[in-house]
Amino acid sequence: MSGTLNKVMLIGNLGDEVKMHYFDDKNCVGRFPIATSESYTSKQTNERITNTEWHNIVVRNKAAEICEKYLSKGDKIYIEGRIKSRKWTDDKGMERYSTEIQCDDFTFLTPKSDQQKPQKPSTPKAQPQQSSPAAAPEGDDDLPF
């Protein structure tokens, strides 16, 4: 092992539809934002405070097509991947930077009954997760495991 690790695991909600970019007859990239939130109570004001963090997700080729077909704004998804920073020059000649999550694996967490479109599993890695006794949340936790 090299002694370093670049791994991200997120559970969040889509903030927009999947935007597709096609490069040639076989390659494509899908991009979409997801939001993760944390809540706490302020000790000074006793007020409930929620902080939302936005993450730019990038998914490629067949996985991108699956995401475009089955995901909609507001859907909950589990993402596994790695952080990647990009640098480019915009139209005005300014250097710009972007931090993205390059998705390696994902699981749809929104139940079929909550979605408008039917889901058909296309690949073993991209199958929507079904409720099972081992995966059912207990109590007030909103975790899928």
Protein backbone atom coordinates (compact mmCIF):
# COMPACT_ATOMS: atom_id res chain seq x y z
CA MET A 1 0.00 0.00 0.00
CA SER A 2 1.23 3.49 -0.81
CA GLY A 3 0.16 4.99 2.53
CA THR A 4 -2.44 7.35 1.04
CA LEU A 5 -6.16 7.11 0.49
CA ASN A 6 -8.59 9.18 -1.56
CA LYS A 7 -12.07 7.81 -0.83
CA VAL A 8 -15.39 9.60 -0.44
CA MET A 9 -18.71 8.16 0.72
CA LEU A 10 -21.78 10.41 0.58
CA ILE A 11 -25.50 10.03 1.13
CA GLY A 12 -27.43 12.99 -0.18
CA ASN A 13 -30.22 14.32 -2.35
CA LEU A 14 -29.90 15.37 -5.98
CA GLY A 15 -30.08 19.13 -6.36
CA ASP A 16 -30.73 19.02 -10.12
CA GLU A 17 -31.26 16.63 -13.00
CA VAL A 18 -28.28 14.70 -14.42
CA LYS A 19 -26.57 16.74 -17.17
CA MET A 20 -25.04 14.57 -19.88
CA HIS A 21 -22.06 15.37 -22.11
CA TYR A 22 -21.26 13.06 -25.03
CA PHE A 23 -17.73 12.89 -26.48
CA ASP A 24 -17.92 10.27 -29.21
CA ASP A 25 -20.04 7.24 -30.07
CA LYS A 26 -19.08 5.38 -26.86
CA ASN A 27 -18.04 7.82 -24.13
CA CYS A 28 -20.11 10.19 -22.03
CA VAL A 29 -20.05 11.97 -18.69
CA GLY A 30 -22.95 12.73 -16.38
CA ARG A 31 -22.76 15.55 -13.84
CA PHE A 32 -25.12 16.39 -10.99
CA PRO A 33 -24.96 18.07 -7.60
CA ILE A 34 -25.97 16.38 -4.37
CA ALA A 35 -26.61 18.05 -1.03
CA THR A 36 -25.62 16.69 2.37
CA SER A 37 -26.82 18.38 5.54
CA GLU A 38 -25.94 18.42 9.21
CA SER A 39 -28.11 19.88 11.95
CA TYR A 40 -27.37 20.97 15.49
CA THR A 41 -28.80 23.19 18.21
CA SER A 42 -26.94 26.42 18.99
CA LYS A 43 -26.01 26.61 22.68
CA GLN A 44 -26.28 30.42 22.67
CA THR A 45 -29.69 30.82 21.01
CA ASN A 46 -31.13 27.30 21.45
CA GLU A 47 -32.01 27.55 17.75
CA ARG A 48 -31.84 24.58 15.36
CA ILE A 49 -29.17 25.25 12.72
CA THR A 50 -28.76 23.26 9.50
CA ASN A 51 -25.66 23.47 7.32
CA THR A 52 -25.88 22.14 3.77
CA GLU A 53 -22.83 21.20 1.75
CA TRP A 54 -23.03 20.79 -2.04
CA HIS A 55 -20.94 18.19 -3.89
CA ASN A 56 -20.40 18.04 -7.66
CA ILE A 57 -20.67 14.41 -8.78
CA VAL A 58 -19.14 13.09 -12.02
CA VAL A 59 -20.10 9.67 -13.35
CA ARG A 60 -18.96 8.13 -16.64
CA ASN A 61 -20.23 6.06 -19.56
CA LYS A 62 -22.82 3.33 -18.79
CA ALA A 63 -23.15 4.43 -15.15
CA ALA A 64 -23.88 7.99 -16.36
CA GLU A 65 -26.62 6.71 -18.66
CA ILE A 66 -28.18 4.74 -15.79
CA CYS A 67 -28.12 7.81 -13.55
CA GLU A 68 -29.69 9.98 -16.26
CA LYS A 69 -32.43 7.41 -16.85
CA TYR A 70 -33.42 6.69 -13.25
CA LEU A 71 -32.49 9.71 -11.12
CA SER A 72 -34.52 12.89 -10.65
CA LYS A 73 -34.06 16.04 -8.65
CA GLY A 74 -34.65 15.32 -4.95
CA ASP A 75 -33.83 11.59 -5.13
CA LYS A 76 -31.61 10.18 -2.40
CA ILE A 77 -28.42 8.41 -3.49
CA TYR A 78 -25.34 6.82 -1.96
CA ILE A 79 -22.12 7.72 -3.79
CA GLU A 80 -18.67 6.18 -3.46
CA GLY A 81 -15.73 7.72 -5.23
CA ARG A 82 -12.69 9.95 -4.96
CA ILE A 83 -11.99 13.68 -4.84
CA LYS A 84 -10.60 15.20 -8.02
CA SER A 85 -9.64 18.84 -8.58
CA ARG A 86 -9.71 20.40 -12.04
CA LYS A 87 -8.20 23.62 -13.33
CA TRP A 88 -9.24 25.44 -16.50
CA THR A 89 -9.23 28.90 -18.08
CA ASP A 90 -12.61 30.58 -18.56
CA ASP A 91 -13.73 32.84 -21.44
CA LYS A 92 -12.21 35.91 -19.73
CA GLY A 93 -8.79 34.27 -19.35
CA MET A 94 -9.17 33.68 -15.60
CA GLU A 95 -7.94 30.41 -14.13
CA ARG A 96 -10.77 28.50 -12.47
CA TYR A 97 -10.73 25.54 -10.12
CA SER A 98 -13.36 22.93 -9.38
CA THR A 99 -13.48 20.08 -6.88
CA GLU A 100 -15.55 17.09 -7.93
CA ILE A 101 -16.36 13.63 -6.71
CA GLN A 102 -15.44 11.05 -9.37
CA CYS A 103 -18.07 8.37 -8.76
CA ASP A 104 -16.91 4.73 -8.76
CA ASP A 105 -20.08 3.17 -7.34
CA PHE A 106 -23.58 4.28 -6.38
CA THR A 107 -26.82 2.97 -4.94
CA PHE A 108 -30.24 4.54 -5.45
CA LEU A 109 -31.88 5.04 -2.05
CA THR A 110 -35.24 6.53 -3.05
CA PRO A 111 -37.82 3.70 -2.99
CA LYS A 112 -39.48 2.81 -6.29
CA SER A 113 -42.88 3.87 -4.95
CA ASP A 114 -41.53 7.42 -4.40
CA GLN A 115 -40.30 7.82 -7.97
CA GLN A 116 -42.25 8.83 -11.06
CA LYS A 117 -40.23 6.63 -13.44
CA PRO A 118 -40.00 2.83 -13.16
CA GLN A 119 -36.56 1.44 -12.32
CA LYS A 120 -35.03 -1.53 -14.04
CA PRO A 121 -31.63 -2.68 -12.76
CA SER A 122 -29.08 -2.52 -15.57
CA THR A 123 -25.85 -3.50 -13.85
CA PRO A 124 -25.17 -5.26 -10.57
CA LYS A 125 -23.34 -2.23 -9.12
CA ALA A 126 -26.11 0.22 -10.05
CA GLN A 127 -29.13 -1.71 -8.81
CA PRO A 128 -31.49 0.27 -6.60
CA GLN A 129 -31.23 -0.92 -3.03
CA GLN A 130 -34.37 -2.63 -1.80
CA SER A 131 -35.51 -2.65 1.79
CA SER A 132 -34.50 -5.78 3.64
CA PRO A 133 -34.42 -6.64 7.32
CA ALA A 134 -30.64 -6.11 7.37
CA ALA A 135 -30.87 -2.75 5.57
CA ALA A 136 -33.97 -1.34 7.24
CA PRO A 137 -33.34 1.79 9.32
CA GLU A 138 -34.18 1.56 12.99
CA GLY A 139 -35.52 4.35 15.18
CA ASP A 140 -35.13 7.91 13.97
CA ASP A 141 -31.91 7.23 12.04
CA ASP A 142 -32.06 8.05 8.35
CA LEU A 143 -29.20 5.71 7.48
CA PRO A 144 -29.71 2.92 4.93
CA PHE A 145 -27.69 0.37 6.95
